[in-house]
Amino acid sequence: MITARYDEKLSRQQLAELVAADIPAGSYVNLGIGQPTTVSDYLTPEQGVTLHTENGMLGMGPAAQGMRSMVI
């Protein structure tokens, strides 16, 4: 669980983790591009969250690393 004082800046990953924790189980979530897609890194299959995006989504899981991340 992320904890931060109100005057501390959260990292992009911390913010995504907080948002993911706030999504109720079984929800249908429309993700934007960029930072919102990072939220999917913090969702588990057990949560039963269905992700939707108008622009398509490559894979479902952690962001690509190394050379694979350069494809996009």
Protein backbone atom coordinates (compact mmCIF):
# COMPACT_ATOMS: atom_id res chain seq x y z
CA MET A 1 0.00 0.00 0.00
CA ILE A 2 1.31 3.40 -0.96
CA THR A 3 1.44 6.00 1.75
CA ALA A 4 2.63 9.53 1.24
CA ARG A 5 2.35 12.83 3.02
CA TYR A 6 0.18 15.41 1.29
CA ASP A 7 3.27 17.48 0.43
CA GLU A 8 5.18 14.59 -1.20
CA LYS A 9 5.12 14.06 -4.95
CA LEU A 10 4.04 10.57 -6.03
CA SER A 11 5.91 8.76 -8.81
CA ARG A 12 3.98 7.70 -11.91
CA GLN A 13 4.07 4.10 -10.66
CA GLN A 14 2.79 5.05 -7.20
CA LEU A 15 -0.07 7.01 -8.73
CA ALA A 16 -1.00 4.10 -11.02
CA GLU A 17 -0.97 1.71 -8.04
CA LEU A 18 -3.29 4.01 -6.08
CA VAL A 19 -5.70 4.29 -9.01
CA ALA A 20 -5.71 0.50 -9.52
CA ALA A 21 -6.47 -0.04 -5.83
CA ASP A 22 -9.47 2.30 -6.16
CA ILE A 23 -11.10 0.31 -9.00
CA PRO A 24 -13.84 -1.95 -7.63
CA ALA A 25 -13.68 -5.66 -8.47
CA GLY A 26 -15.68 -6.58 -11.56
CA SER A 27 -15.49 -3.09 -13.05
CA TYR A 28 -15.33 -2.21 -16.74
CA VAL A 29 -12.68 0.49 -17.16
CA ASN A 30 -12.02 2.64 -20.22
CA LEU A 31 -8.34 3.50 -20.23
CA GLY A 32 -6.80 6.46 -22.00
CA ILE A 33 -3.33 6.40 -23.50
CA GLY A 34 -0.07 7.05 -21.69
CA GLN A 35 -0.15 7.07 -17.91
CA PRO A 36 -3.63 5.49 -17.57
CA THR A 37 -2.41 2.28 -19.24
CA THR A 38 0.16 1.91 -16.44
CA VAL A 39 -2.76 1.16 -14.12
CA SER A 40 -3.11 -2.27 -15.76
CA ASP A 41 0.30 -3.22 -14.33
CA TYR A 42 -1.26 -3.17 -10.85
CA LEU A 43 -4.46 -5.13 -11.56
CA THR A 44 -4.70 -8.86 -10.88
CA PRO A 45 -6.83 -11.43 -12.72
CA GLU A 46 -8.64 -12.12 -9.45
CA GLN A 47 -10.05 -8.58 -9.49
CA GLY A 48 -12.04 -9.39 -12.63
CA VAL A 49 -11.53 -5.90 -14.08
CA THR A 50 -12.26 -5.61 -17.81
CA LEU A 51 -10.17 -3.03 -19.64
CA HIS A 52 -11.38 -1.18 -22.72
CA THR A 53 -9.71 1.32 -25.00
CA GLU A 54 -10.72 2.90 -28.30
CA ASN A 55 -7.14 2.92 -29.59
CA GLY A 56 -6.38 -0.77 -29.10
CA MET A 57 -4.14 -2.33 -26.52
CA LEU A 58 -1.09 -4.50 -27.14
CA GLY A 59 -0.86 -7.37 -24.68
CA MET A 60 -2.24 -7.36 -21.20
CA GLY A 61 0.34 -7.20 -18.48
CA PRO A 62 3.51 -5.39 -17.53
CA ALA A 63 4.92 -2.83 -19.94
CA ALA A 64 7.49 -4.08 -22.44
CA GLN A 65 11.15 -3.67 -21.51
CA GLY A 66 14.25 -3.19 -23.64
CA MET A 67 13.97 -3.57 -27.41
CA ARG A 68 10.32 -4.65 -27.22
CA SER A 69 9.38 -1.26 -25.78
CA MET A 70 10.71 0.45 -28.91
CA VAL A 71 8.08 -1.17 -31.16
CA ILE A 72 5.40 1.33 -30.12
